[in-house]
C-alpha atoms as a PDB file:
ATOM      1  CA  UNK A   1     151.277  54.448 155.479  1.00  0.00           C
ATOM      2  CA  UNK A   2     148.315  53.986 153.142  1.00  0.00           C
ATOM      3  CA  UNK A   3     144.764  53.618 154.396  1.00  0.00           C
ATOM      4  CA  UNK A   4     144.821  49.954 153.344  1.00  0.00           C
ATOM      5  CA  UNK A   5     147.970  49.286 155.376  1.00  0.00           C
ATOM      6  CA  UNK A   6     146.546  51.165 158.346  1.00  0.00           C
ATOM      7  CA  UNK A   7     143.381  49.080 158.049  1.00  0.00           C
ATOM      8  CA  UNK A   8     145.428  45.869 158.187  1.00  0.00           C
ATOM      9  CA  UNK A   9     147.386  47.112 161.207  1.00  0.00           C
ATOM     10  CA  UNK A  10     144.213  47.963 163.087  1.00  0.00           C
ATOM     11  CA  UNK A  11     142.760  44.569 162.121  1.00  0.00           C
ATOM     12  CA  UNK A  12     145.731  42.717 163.630  1.00  0.00           C
ATOM     13  CA  UNK A  13     145.583  44.897 166.742  1.00  0.00           C
ATOM     14  CA  UNK A  14     141.858  44.161 167.150  1.00  0.00           C
ATOM     15  CA  UNK A  15     142.375  40.416 166.897  1.00  0.00           C
ATOM     16  CA  UNK A  16     145.224  40.517 169.432  1.00  0.00           C
ATOM     17  CA  UNK A  17     143.356  42.590 172.018  1.00  0.00           C
ATOM     18  CA  UNK A  18     140.117  40.638 171.558  1.00  0.00           C
ATOM     19  CA  UNK A  19     141.963  37.346 172.031  1.00  0.00           C
ATOM     20  CA  UNK A  20     143.460  38.733 175.250  1.00  0.00           C
ATOM     21  CA  UNK A  21     140.044  39.764 176.564  1.00  0.00           C
ATOM     22  CA  UNK A  22     138.587  36.369 175.641  1.00  0.00           C
ATOM     23  CA  UNK A  23     141.382  34.616 177.535  1.00  0.00           C
ATOM     24  CA  UNK A  24     140.866  36.833 180.595  1.00  0.00           C
ATOM     25  CA  UNK A  25     137.122  36.152 180.541  1.00  0.00           C
ATOM     26  CA  UNK A  26     137.685  32.389 180.590  1.00  0.00           C
ATOM     27  CA  UNK A  27     139.391  32.852 183.953  1.00  0.00           C
ATOM     28  CA  UNK A  28     136.041  34.111 185.271  1.00  0.00           C
ATOM     29  CA  UNK A  29     133.988  31.326 183.696  1.00  0.00           C
ATOM     30  CA  UNK A  30     132.686  30.194 187.080  1.00  0.00           C
ATOM     31  CA  UNK A  31     130.823  33.486 187.419  1.00  0.00           C
ATOM     32  CA  UNK A  32     128.158  32.199 185.015  1.00  0.00           C
ATOM     33  CA  UNK A  33     126.744  32.787 181.559  1.00  0.00           C
ATOM     34  CA  UNK A  34     127.962  36.376 181.345  1.00  0.00           C
ATOM     35  CA  UNK A  35     131.578  35.267 180.877  1.00  0.00           C
ATOM     36  CA  UNK A  36     130.854  32.433 178.444  1.00  0.00           C
ATOM     37  CA  UNK A  37     128.542  34.478 176.237  1.00  0.00           C
ATOM     38  CA  UNK A  38     131.182  37.201 176.276  1.00  0.00           C
ATOM     39  CA  UNK A  39     133.790  34.690 175.124  1.00  0.00           C
ATOM     40  CA  UNK A  40     131.465  33.485 172.356  1.00  0.00           C
ATOM     41  CA  UNK A  41     130.745  37.042 171.210  1.00  0.00           C
ATOM     42  CA  UNK A  42     134.465  37.870 171.117  1.00  0.00           C
ATOM     43  CA  UNK A  43     135.262  34.651 169.237  1.00  0.00           C
ATOM     44  CA  UNK A  44     132.600  35.485 166.648  1.00  0.00           C
ATOM     45  CA  UNK A  45     134.071  38.965 166.105  1.00  0.00           C
ATOM     46  CA  UNK A  46     137.551  37.469 165.701  1.00  0.00           C
ATOM     47  CA  UNK A  47     136.145  35.074 163.100  1.00  0.00           C
ATOM     48  CA  UNK A  48     134.682  38.045 161.228  1.00  0.00           C
ATOM     49  CA  UNK A  49     138.034  39.837 161.272  1.00  0.00           C
ATOM     50  CA  UNK A  50     139.900  36.731 160.058  1.00  0.00           C
ATOM     51  CA  UNK A  51     137.575  35.461 157.349  1.00  0.00           C
ATOM     52  CA  UNK A  52     139.087  37.540 154.545  1.00  0.00           C
ATOM     53  CA  UNK A  53     142.710  36.885 155.470  1.00  0.00           C
ATOM     54  CA  UNK A  54     145.082  34.650 153.498  1.00  0.00           C
ATOM     55  CA  UNK A  55     145.068  32.166 156.388  1.00  0.00           C
ATOM     56  CA  UNK A  56     141.323  31.607 155.980  1.00  0.00           C
ATOM     57  CA  UNK A  57     141.358  31.561 152.183  1.00  0.00           C
ATOM     58  CA  UNK A  58     144.101  28.953 152.157  1.00  0.00           C
ATOM     59  CA  UNK A  59     142.365  26.517 154.499  1.00  0.00           C
ATOM     60  CA  UNK A  60     138.784  25.463 153.754  1.00  0.00           C
ATOM     61  CA  UNK A  61     138.098  24.101 157.231  1.00  0.00           C
ATOM     62  CA  UNK A  62     139.230  27.335 158.877  1.00  0.00           C
ATOM     63  CA  UNK A  63     137.219  29.337 156.372  1.00  0.00           C
ATOM     64  CA  UNK A  64     134.026  27.407 157.241  1.00  0.00           C
ATOM     65  CA  UNK A  65     134.695  27.928 160.957  1.00  0.00           C
ATOM     66  CA  UNK A  66     135.316  31.652 160.500  1.00  0.00           C
ATOM     67  CA  UNK A  67     132.233  31.997 158.292  1.00  0.00           C
ATOM     68  CA  UNK A  68     130.042  30.281 160.892  1.00  0.00           C
ATOM     69  CA  UNK A  69     131.413  32.460 163.670  1.00  0.00           C
ATOM     70  CA  UNK A  70     131.061  35.668 161.662  1.00  0.00           C
ATOM     71  CA  UNK A  71     127.459  35.000 160.672  1.00  0.00           C
ATOM     72  CA  UNK A  72     126.590  34.172 164.298  1.00  0.00           C
ATOM     73  CA  UNK A  73     127.537  37.590 165.704  1.00  0.00           C
ATOM     74  CA  UNK A  74     123.900  38.859 165.975  1.00  0.00           C
ATOM     75  CA  UNK A  75     122.856  35.721 167.891  1.00  0.00           C
ATOM     76  CA  UNK A  76     125.785  36.057 170.293  1.00  0.00           C
ATOM     77  CA  UNK A  77     124.823  39.707 170.758  1.00  0.00           C
ATOM     78  CA  UNK A  78     121.316  38.664 171.828  1.00  0.00           C
ATOM     79  CA  UNK A  79     122.694  35.945 174.143  1.00  0.00           C
ATOM     80  CA  UNK A  80     125.135  38.391 175.720  1.00  0.00           C
ATOM     81  CA  UNK A  81     122.366  40.928 176.252  1.00  0.00           C
ATOM     82  CA  UNK A  82     120.150  38.325 177.921  1.00  0.00           C
ATOM     83  CA  UNK A  83     122.977  36.953 180.080  1.00  0.00           C
ATOM     84  CA  UNK A  84     123.916  40.425 181.331  1.00  0.00           C
ATOM     85  CA  UNK A  85     120.506  41.995 181.805  1.00  0.00           C
ATOM     86  CA  UNK A  86     118.147  39.082 182.565  1.00  0.00           C
ATOM     87  CA  UNK A  87     119.019  37.658 185.974  1.00  0.00           C
ATOM     88  CA  UNK A  88     116.988  34.494 185.427  1.00  0.00           C
ATOM     89  CA  UNK A  89     118.101  33.777 181.859  1.00  0.00           C
ATOM     90  CA  UNK A  90     118.998  30.152 181.176  1.00  0.00           C
ATOM     91  CA  UNK A  91     120.239  28.630 177.941  1.00  0.00           C
ATOM     92  CA  UNK A  92     117.703  26.225 176.426  1.00  0.00           C
ATOM     93  CA  UNK A  93     117.272  24.264 173.211  1.00  0.00           C
ATOM     94  CA  UNK A  94     115.738  27.374 171.615  1.00  0.00           C
ATOM     95  CA  UNK A  95     119.245  28.775 171.226  1.00  0.00           C
ATOM     96  CA  UNK A  96     120.046  26.043 168.686  1.00  0.00           C
ATOM     97  CA  UNK A  97     117.145  27.235 166.514  1.00  0.00           C
ATOM     98  CA  UNK A  98     118.385  30.823 166.784  1.00  0.00           C
ATOM     99  CA  UNK A  99     121.738  29.808 165.335  1.00  0.00           C
ATOM    100  CA  UNK A 100     120.085  27.722 162.611  1.00  0.00           C
ATOM    101  CA  UNK A 101     117.802  30.601 161.606  1.00  0.00           C
ATOM    102  CA  UNK A 102     120.810  32.895 161.393  1.00  0.00           C
ATOM    103  CA  UNK A 103     123.181  30.524 159.571  1.00  0.00           C
ATOM    104  CA  UNK A 104     120.940  28.634 157.103  1.00  0.00           C
ATOM    105  CA  UNK A 105     120.278  31.587 154.736  1.00  0.00           C
ATOM    106  CA  UNK A 106     124.033  31.667 154.103  1.00  0.00           C
ATOM    107  CA  UNK A 107     124.188  28.140 152.657  1.00  0.00           C
ATOM    108  CA  UNK A 108     124.933  29.399 149.096  1.00  0.00           C
ATOM    109  CA  UNK A 109     128.135  30.901 150.508  1.00  0.00           C
ATOM    110  CA  UNK A 110     129.079  27.605 152.148  1.00  0.00           C
ATOM    111  CA  UNK A 111     128.478  25.738 148.872  1.00  0.00           C
ATOM    112  CA  UNK A 112     129.823  28.363 146.472  1.00  0.00           C
ATOM    113  CA  UNK A 113     132.657  26.081 145.286  1.00  0.00           C
ATOM    114  CA  UNK A 114     130.336  23.113 144.683  1.00  0.00           C
ATOM    115  CA  UNK A 115     126.977  24.440 143.456  1.00  0.00           C
ATOM    116  CA  UNK A 116     126.071  27.407 141.276  1.00  0.00           C
ATOM    117  CA  UNK A 117     122.983  29.190 142.586  1.00  0.00           C
ATOM    118  CA  UNK A 118     120.595  31.440 140.691  1.00  0.00           C
ATOM    119  CA  UNK A 119     121.302  35.137 141.285  1.00  0.00           C
ATOM    120  CA  UNK A 120     117.685  35.797 142.300  1.00  0.00           C
ATOM    121  CA  UNK A 121     117.870  33.053 144.926  1.00  0.00           C
ATOM    122  CA  UNK A 122     121.135  34.443 146.265  1.00  0.00           C
ATOM    123  CA  UNK A 123     119.637  37.919 146.471  1.00  0.00           C
ATOM    124  CA  UNK A 124     116.525  36.609 148.220  1.00  0.00           C
ATOM    125  CA  UNK A 125     118.588  34.713 150.798  1.00  0.00           C
ATOM    126  CA  UNK A 126     120.783  37.771 151.323  1.00  0.00           C
ATOM    127  CA  UNK A 127     117.699  39.812 152.178  1.00  0.00           C
ATOM    128  CA  UNK A 128     116.488  37.076 154.545  1.00  0.00           C
ATOM    129  CA  UNK A 129     119.883  36.922 156.268  1.00  0.00           C
ATOM    130  CA  UNK A 130     119.938  40.699 156.728  1.00  0.00           C
ATOM    131  CA  UNK A 131     116.414  40.681 158.157  1.00  0.00           C
ATOM    132  CA  UNK A 132     117.258  37.932 160.656  1.00  0.00           C
ATOM    133  CA  UNK A 133     120.506  39.689 161.625  1.00  0.00           C
ATOM    134  CA  UNK A 134     118.722  42.973 162.246  1.00  0.00           C
ATOM    135  CA  UNK A 135     116.009  41.065 164.125  1.00  0.00           C
ATOM    136  CA  UNK A 136     118.491  39.526 166.562  1.00  0.00           C
ATOM    137  CA  UNK A 137     120.226  42.882 167.086  1.00  0.00           C
ATOM    138  CA  UNK A 138     116.907  44.597 167.784  1.00  0.00           C
ATOM    139  CA  UNK A 139     115.955  41.760 170.144  1.00  0.00           C
ATOM    140  CA  UNK A 140     119.206  42.326 172.035  1.00  0.00           C
ATOM    141  CA  UNK A 141     118.536  46.056 172.277  1.00  0.00           C
ATOM    142  CA  UNK A 142     114.958  45.388 173.383  1.00  0.00           C
ATOM    143  CA  UNK A 143     116.216  42.994 176.082  1.00  0.00           C
ATOM    144  CA  UNK A 144     118.572  45.638 177.442  1.00  0.00           C
ATOM    145  CA  UNK A 145     115.887  48.325 177.464  1.00  0.00           C
ATOM    146  CA  UNK A 146     112.855  46.379 178.689  1.00  0.00           C
ATOM    147  CA  UNK A 147     114.605  45.278 181.910  1.00  0.00           C
ATOM    148  CA  UNK A 148     115.983  48.745 182.668  1.00  0.00           C
ATOM    149  CA  UNK A 149     113.036  49.959 184.698  1.00  0.00           C
ATOM    150  CA  UNK A 150     113.183  47.046 187.151  1.00  0.00           C
ATOM    151  CA  UNK A 151     116.995  46.877 187.434  1.00  0.00           C
ATOM    152  CA  UNK A 152     118.315  47.595 190.936  1.00  0.00           C
ATOM    153  CA  UNK A 153     122.068  47.247 190.199  1.00  0.00           C
ATOM    154  CA  UNK A 154     123.408  50.782 189.700  1.00  0.00           C
ATOM    155  CA  UNK A 155     126.558  49.824 187.772  1.00  0.00           C
ATOM    156  CA  UNK A 156     124.502  47.738 185.346  1.00  0.00           C
ATOM    157  CA  UNK A 157     122.030  50.584 184.892  1.00  0.00           C
ATOM    158  CA  UNK A 158     124.855  52.920 183.856  1.00  0.00           C
ATOM    159  CA  UNK A 159     126.287  50.302 181.500  1.00  0.00           C
ATOM    160  CA  UNK A 160     123.067  49.785 179.518  1.00  0.00           C
ATOM    161  CA  UNK A 161     123.165  52.882 177.341  1.00  0.00           C
ATOM    162  CA  UNK A 162     126.816  52.337 176.391  1.00  0.00           C
ATOM    163  CA  UNK A 163     126.193  48.686 175.611  1.00  0.00           C
ATOM    164  CA  UNK A 164     123.126  49.329 173.490  1.00  0.00           C
ATOM    165  CA  UNK A 165     124.301  52.352 171.517  1.00  0.00           C
ATOM    166  CA  UNK A 166     127.897  51.373 170.779  1.00  0.00           C
ATOM    167  CA  UNK A 167     127.530  47.628 170.235  1.00  0.00           C
ATOM    168  CA  UNK A 168     124.430  48.003 168.090  1.00  0.00           C
ATOM    169  CA  UNK A 169     126.130  50.747 166.070  1.00  0.00           C
ATOM    170  CA  UNK A 170     129.143  48.514 165.409  1.00  0.00           C
ATOM    171  CA  UNK A 171     126.959  45.628 164.277  1.00  0.00           C
ATOM    172  CA  UNK A 172     124.961  48.058 162.140  1.00  0.00           C
ATOM    173  CA  UNK A 173     128.128  49.269 160.406  1.00  0.00           C
ATOM    174  CA  UNK A 174     129.129  45.650 159.874  1.00  0.00           C
ATOM    175  CA  UNK A 175     125.808  44.900 158.188  1.00  0.00           C
ATOM    176  CA  UNK A 176     126.216  47.942 155.949  1.00  0.00           C
ATOM    177  CA  UNK A 177     129.721  46.885 154.944  1.00  0.00           C
ATOM    178  CA  UNK A 178     128.558  43.370 154.134  1.00  0.00           C
ATOM    179  CA  UNK A 179     125.234  44.033 152.423  1.00  0.00           C
ATOM    180  CA  UNK A 180     125.440  47.302 150.467  1.00  0.00           C
ATOM    181  CA  UNK A 181     127.570  47.416 147.287  1.00  0.00           C
ATOM    182  CA  UNK A 182     130.096  50.190 147.832  1.00  0.00           C
ATOM    183  CA  UNK A 183     133.209  51.391 146.064  1.00  0.00           C
ATOM    184  CA  UNK A 184     136.322  49.714 147.407  1.00  0.00           C
ATOM    185  CA  UNK A 185     137.589  53.001 148.863  1.00  0.00           C
ATOM    186  CA  UNK A 186     134.358  53.490 150.794  1.00  0.00           C
ATOM    187  CA  UNK A 187     134.403  49.906 152.051  1.00  0.00           C
ATOM    188  CA  UNK A 188     137.977  50.220 153.303  1.00  0.00           C
ATOM    189  CA  UNK A 189     137.124  53.497 155.042  1.00  0.00           C
ATOM    190  CA  UNK A 190     134.102  51.931 156.773  1.00  0.00           C
ATOM    191  CA  UNK A 191     136.183  48.916 157.765  1.00  0.00           C
ATOM    192  CA  UNK A 192     138.848  51.191 159.216  1.00  0.00           C
ATOM    193  CA  UNK A 193     136.221  53.090 161.215  1.00  0.00           C
ATOM    194  CA  UNK A 194     134.654  49.836 162.352  1.00  0.00           C
ATOM    195  CA  UNK A 195     137.923  48.199 163.402  1.00  0.00           C
ATOM    196  CA  UNK A 196     139.194  51.324 165.123  1.00  0.00           C
ATOM    197  CA  UNK A 197     135.969  51.445 167.139  1.00  0.00           C
ATOM    198  CA  UNK A 198     136.319  47.762 168.074  1.00  0.00           C
ATOM    199  CA  UNK A 199     139.911  48.340 169.171  1.00  0.00           C
ATOM    200  CA  UNK A 200     139.030  51.431 171.218  1.00  0.00           C
ATOM    201  CA  UNK A 201     136.066  49.765 172.908  1.00  0.00           C
ATOM    202  CA  UNK A 202     137.997  46.606 173.691  1.00  0.00           C
ATOM    203  CA  UNK A 203     140.851  48.652 175.129  1.00  0.00           C
ATOM    204  CA  UNK A 204     138.368  50.631 177.230  1.00  0.00           C
ATOM    205  CA  UNK A 205     136.850  47.359 178.475  1.00  0.00           C
ATOM    206  CA  UNK A 206     140.282  45.985 179.459  1.00  0.00           C
ATOM    207  CA  UNK A 207     141.294  49.149 181.323  1.00  0.00           C
ATOM    208  CA  UNK A 208     138.020  49.310 183.269  1.00  0.00           C
ATOM    209  CA  UNK A 209     137.548  45.634 184.079  1.00  0.00           C
ATOM    210  CA  UNK A 210     140.977  44.064 184.541  1.00  0.00           C
ATOM    211  CA  UNK A 211     143.610  45.264 186.975  1.00  0.00           C
ATOM    212  CA  UNK A 212     147.364  44.678 187.266  1.00  0.00           C
ATOM    213  CA  UNK A 213     148.122  43.104 190.621  1.00  0.00           C
ATOM    214  CA  UNK A 214     150.267  45.075 193.002  1.00  0.00           C
ATOM    215  CA  UNK A 215     153.767  43.900 193.886  1.00  0.00           C
ATOM    216  CA  UNK A 216     155.172  43.473 190.375  1.00  0.00           C
ATOM    217  CA  UNK A 217     155.071  46.810 188.550  1.00  0.00           C
ATOM    218  CA  UNK A 218     154.294  48.902 191.598  1.00  0.00           C
ATOM    219  CA  UNK A 219     154.192  48.654 195.370  1.00  0.00           C
ATOM    220  CA  UNK A 220     150.974  47.766 197.036  1.00  0.00           C
ATOM    221  CA  UNK A 221     149.448  50.636 198.938  1.00  0.00           C
ATOM    222  CA  UNK A 222     147.061  49.635 201.721  1.00  0.00           C
ATOM    223  CA  UNK A 223     143.582  50.809 200.895  1.00  0.00           C
ATOM    224  CA  UNK A 224     141.191  52.222 203.358  1.00  0.00           C
ATOM    225  CA  UNK A 225     138.153  50.117 203.938  1.00  0.00           C
ATOM    226  CA  UNK A 226     135.195  51.525 202.051  1.00  0.00           C
ATOM    227  CA  UNK A 227     132.804  53.418 204.224  1.00  0.00           C
ATOM    228  CA  UNK A 228     129.513  51.568 204.242  1.00  0.00           C
ATOM    229  CA  UNK A 229     126.618  53.991 204.591  1.00  0.00           C
ATOM    230  CA  UNK A 230     124.579  53.312 207.719  1.00  0.00           C
ATOM    231  CA  UNK A 231     121.239  51.635 207.357  1.00  0.00           C
ATOM    232  CA  UNK A 232     118.536  54.255 206.997  1.00  0.00           C
ATOM    233  CA  UNK A 233     116.078  52.889 209.553  1.00  0.00           C
ATOM    234  CA  UNK A 234     113.449  55.482 208.699  1.00  0.00           C
ATOM    235  CA  UNK A 235     113.525  54.565 205.027  1.00  0.00           C
ATOM    236  CA  UNK A 236     113.371  50.869 205.814  1.00  0.00           C
ATOM    237  CA  UNK A 237     110.469  51.345 208.213  1.00  0.00           C
ATOM    238  CA  UNK A 238     108.592  53.275 205.522  1.00  0.00           C
ATOM    239  CA  UNK A 239     109.043  50.393 203.112  1.00  0.00           C
ATOM    240  CA  UNK A 240     108.065  47.779 205.677  1.00  0.00           C
ATOM    241  CA  UNK A 241     104.905  49.735 206.533  1.00  0.00           C
ATOM    242  CA  UNK A 242     103.890  49.903 202.857  1.00  0.00           C
ATOM    243  CA  UNK A 243     104.512  46.185 202.441  1.00  0.00           C
ATOM    244  CA  UNK A 244     103.041  44.877 205.688  1.00  0.00           C
ATOM    245  CA  UNK A 245     100.133  47.211 206.380  1.00  0.00           C
ATOM    246  CA  UNK A 246      99.225  48.687 203.006  1.00  0.00           C
ATOM    247  CA  UNK A 247     100.416  45.759 200.863  1.00  0.00           C
ATOM    248  CA  UNK A 248     101.503  48.092 198.084  1.00  0.00           C
ATOM    249  CA  UNK A 249     102.982  45.161 196.153  1.00  0.00           C
ATOM    250  CA  UNK A 250      99.430  44.233 195.173  1.00  0.00           C
ATOM    251  CA  UNK A 251      99.256  47.245 192.860  1.00  0.00           C
ATOM    252  CA  UNK A 252      99.223  46.076 189.255  1.00  0.00           C
ATOM    253  CA  UNK A 253     102.229  47.276 187.234  1.00  0.00           C
ATOM    254  CA  UNK A 254     103.963  48.815 190.251  1.00  0.00           C
ATOM    255  CA  UNK A 255     107.378  50.297 189.361  1.00  0.00           C
ATOM    256  CA  UNK A 256     110.341  51.349 191.482  1.00  0.00           C
ATOM    257  CA  UNK A 257     109.603  54.971 190.567  1.00  0.00           C
ATOM    258  CA  UNK A 258     105.983  54.734 191.759  1.00  0.00           C
ATOM    259  CA  UNK A 259     107.131  53.090 194.987  1.00  0.00           C
ATOM    260  CA  UNK A 260     109.653  55.893 195.598  1.00  0.00           C
ATOM    261  CA  UNK A 261     106.982  58.548 194.922  1.00  0.00           C
ATOM    262  CA  UNK A 262     104.612  56.847 197.352  1.00  0.00           C
ATOM    263  CA  UNK A 263     107.361  56.863 199.984  1.00  0.00           C
ATOM    264  CA  UNK A 264     108.202  60.496 199.094  1.00  0.00           C
ATOM    265  CA  UNK A 265     111.822  59.473 198.660  1.00  0.00           C
ATOM    266  CA  UNK A 266     114.398  59.729 195.885  1.00  0.00           C
ATOM    267  CA  UNK A 267     114.314  56.743 193.544  1.00  0.00           C
ATOM    268  CA  UNK A 268     118.022  55.916 193.838  1.00  0.00           C
ATOM    269  CA  UNK A 269     117.724  55.634 197.661  1.00  0.00           C
ATOM    270  CA  UNK A 270     114.837  53.176 197.421  1.00  0.00           C
ATOM    271  CA  UNK A 271     116.657  51.283 194.677  1.00  0.00           C
ATOM    272  CA  UNK A 272     119.782  51.020 196.824  1.00  0.00           C
ATOM    273  CA  UNK A 273     117.766  49.924 199.861  1.00  0.00           C
ATOM    274  CA  UNK A 274     116.158  47.017 198.018  1.00  0.00           C
ATOM    275  CA  UNK A 275     119.383  46.059 196.219  1.00  0.00           C
ATOM    276  CA  UNK A 276     122.094  46.471 198.884  1.00  0.00           C
ATOM    277  CA  UNK A 277     120.198  45.890 202.126  1.00  0.00           C
ATOM    278  CA  UNK A 278     117.518  43.440 201.031  1.00  0.00           C
ATOM    279  CA  UNK A 279     119.656  41.636 198.437  1.00  0.00           C
ATOM    280  CA  UNK A 280     117.482  41.893 195.303  1.00  0.00           C
ATOM    281  CA  UNK A 281     119.001  42.631 191.882  1.00  0.00           C
ATOM    282  CA  UNK A 282     115.665  43.094 190.156  1.00  0.00           C
ATOM    283  CA  UNK A 283     112.536  44.918 191.319  1.00  0.00           C
ATOM    284  CA  UNK A 284     110.232  42.311 189.789  1.00  0.00           C
ATOM    285  CA  UNK A 285     111.980  39.602 191.822  1.00  0.00           C
ATOM    286  CA  UNK A 286     111.341  41.694 194.931  1.00  0.00           C
ATOM    287  CA  UNK A 287     107.639  42.041 194.068  1.00  0.00           C
ATOM    288  CA  UNK A 288     107.325  38.331 193.290  1.00  0.00           C
ATOM    289  CA  UNK A 289     108.861  37.466 196.662  1.00  0.00           C
ATOM    290  CA  UNK A 290     106.247  39.576 198.455  1.00  0.00           C
ATOM    291  CA  UNK A 291     103.343  38.371 196.331  1.00  0.00           C
ATOM    292  CA  UNK A 292     104.220  34.681 196.496  1.00  0.00           C
ATOM    293  CA  UNK A 293     104.655  34.915 200.283  1.00  0.00           C
ATOM    294  CA  UNK A 294     101.074  36.183 200.622  1.00  0.00           C
ATOM    295  CA  UNK A 295      99.874  33.634 198.072  1.00  0.00           C
ATOM    296  CA  UNK A 296     101.237  30.863 200.285  1.00  0.00           C
ATOM    297  CA  UNK A 297      99.271  32.231 203.234  1.00  0.00           C
ATOM    298  CA  UNK A 298      96.077  32.247 201.154  1.00  0.00           C
ATOM    299  CA  UNK A 299      96.666  28.764 199.726  1.00  0.00           C
ATOM    300  CA  UNK A 300      97.208  27.245 203.177  1.00  0.00           C
ATOM    301  CA  UNK A 301      94.064  28.847 204.630  1.00  0.00           C
ATOM    302  CA  UNK A 302      91.136  26.343 204.460  1.00  0.00           C
ATOM    303  CA  UNK A 303      88.621  29.179 204.762  1.00  0.00           C
ATOM    304  CA  UNK A 304      89.806  30.504 201.371  1.00  0.00           C
ATOM    305  CA  UNK A 305      89.528  27.255 199.422  1.00  0.00           C
ATOM    306  CA  UNK A 306      86.807  28.683 197.216  1.00  0.00           C
ATOM    307  CA  UNK A 307      89.163  31.353 195.935  1.00  0.00           C
ATOM    308  CA  UNK A 308      90.513  30.270 192.568  1.00  0.00           C
ATOM    309  CA  UNK A 309      94.169  30.514 191.563  1.00  0.00           C
ATOM    310  CA  UNK A 310      93.229  33.124 188.954  1.00  0.00           C
ATOM    311  CA  UNK A 311      91.461  35.258 191.564  1.00  0.00           C
ATOM    312  CA  UNK A 312      94.503  35.062 193.830  1.00  0.00           C
ATOM    313  CA  UNK A 313      96.773  36.116 190.961  1.00  0.00           C
ATOM    314  CA  UNK A 314      94.586  39.129 190.156  1.00  0.00           C
ATOM    315  CA  UNK A 315      94.331  40.158 193.819  1.00  0.00           C
ATOM    316  CA  UNK A 316      98.117  40.094 194.166  1.00  0.00           C
ATOM    317  CA  UNK A 317      98.695  42.419 191.206  1.00  0.00           C
ATOM    318  CA  UNK A 318      99.355  39.994 188.339  1.00  0.00           C
ATOM    319  CA  UNK A 319      97.758  40.787 185.002  1.00  0.00           C
ATOM    320  CA  UNK A 320      97.256  37.109 184.151  1.00  0.00           C
ATOM    321  CA  UNK A 321      97.763  33.685 185.658  1.00  0.00           C
ATOM    322  CA  UNK A 322     100.863  32.843 183.583  1.00  0.00           C
ATOM    323  CA  UNK A 323     103.352  35.204 185.292  1.00  0.00           C
ATOM    324  CA  UNK A 324     101.951  34.216 188.682  1.00  0.00           C
ATOM    325  CA  UNK A 325     102.457  30.509 188.022  1.00  0.00           C
ATOM    326  CA  UNK A 326     106.019  31.111 186.750  1.00  0.00           C
ATOM    327  CA  UNK A 327     106.945  33.250 189.752  1.00  0.00           C
ATOM    328  CA  UNK A 328     105.432  30.726 192.179  1.00  0.00           C
ATOM    329  CA  UNK A 329     107.227  27.809 190.510  1.00  0.00           C
ATOM    330  CA  UNK A 330     110.548  29.657 190.541  1.00  0.00           C
ATOM    331  CA  UNK A 331     110.323  30.379 194.254  1.00  0.00           C
ATOM    332  CA  UNK A 332     108.572  27.237 195.530  1.00  0.00           C
ATOM    333  CA  UNK A 333     109.482  24.612 192.902  1.00  0.00           C
ATOM    334  CA  UNK A 334     105.825  23.670 192.519  1.00  0.00           C
ATOM    335  CA  UNK A 335     102.568  25.073 191.179  1.00  0.00           C
ATOM    336  CA  UNK A 336     100.046  27.002 193.302  1.00  0.00           C
ATOM    337  CA  UNK A 337      97.488  24.208 192.859  1.00  0.00           C
ATOM    338  CA  UNK A 338      99.927  21.489 193.984  1.00  0.00           C
ATOM    339  CA  UNK A 339     101.053  23.680 196.894  1.00  0.00           C
ATOM    340  CA  UNK A 340      97.439  24.101 198.081  1.00  0.00           C
ATOM    341  CA  UNK A 341      96.759  20.360 197.891  1.00  0.00           C
ATOM    342  CA  UNK A 342      99.942  19.367 199.725  1.00  0.00           C
ATOM    343  CA  UNK A 343      99.490  21.960 202.459  1.00  0.00           C
ATOM    344  CA  UNK A 344      95.903  20.924 203.220  1.00  0.00           C
ATOM    345  CA  UNK A 345      96.243  17.180 202.862  1.00  0.00           C
END
């Protein structure tokens, strides 16, 4: 089998396995944005793998669809990163502009059969498209890394490095294949490496995230109930003392590591306490809950009416009034000023 034939075989295998994963993810669509952004990302990769096939070349409509999907991969990467790692991420109208910024520089490709464009213009737009693609990929990596410190979900913490390194590397190889003029042999070799990596990663994802139900291929074996570690009362009392008496949450820029050091405890134990026992997925959400609770006490106290909202924000550990207002609105569905007026009216 030649390298070209092997490349085609791997391509077909990739498309098949990716389509299977996309179908399985749709069954979990109710779980939120994570599943839908995953489906979109997979669909975009399939479009990229199909765009140079005879099926696409023989049907203009399909070719336009595949081209749009393929060029949108960096945007879907950013959306997937935000959906997985930002607990409060919500899709807004800004996403439409992201897609437009990514797709518009490719308009000479869309119109190649109708309009002849100057080579300098095509080269300029190619550079712009590569810059925007790299920008979205870097934004996705930044999203995954910036939220790492405050993440309390252990499985998601372990997943970050794999997600960032491997996915970004694959997209990087894709950009190299598409943008740098290479000999055909080199291009085919890079494509083979790229598609083999996609196939291996997708297979790994299937094996680790989807299970065959018992009773069909094998007998169901009763599982022992997982042993839930007992609540560490001493650890919880330490945390409650720091929150209630010392109000450690007021410290500006407080991190989970600093909190663990103050408690003289291992970081993973404090992380697990706040995540499993107190129900917070993100350390910043935990801090905001504590800070906003005290803010409500201050705002409802008539003797503290002279204290401005900005002063309250600074006293509670916020670096500016913006994050304080956002956190307060998220938790109380109103602004601090409106809350003060309604509580004292």
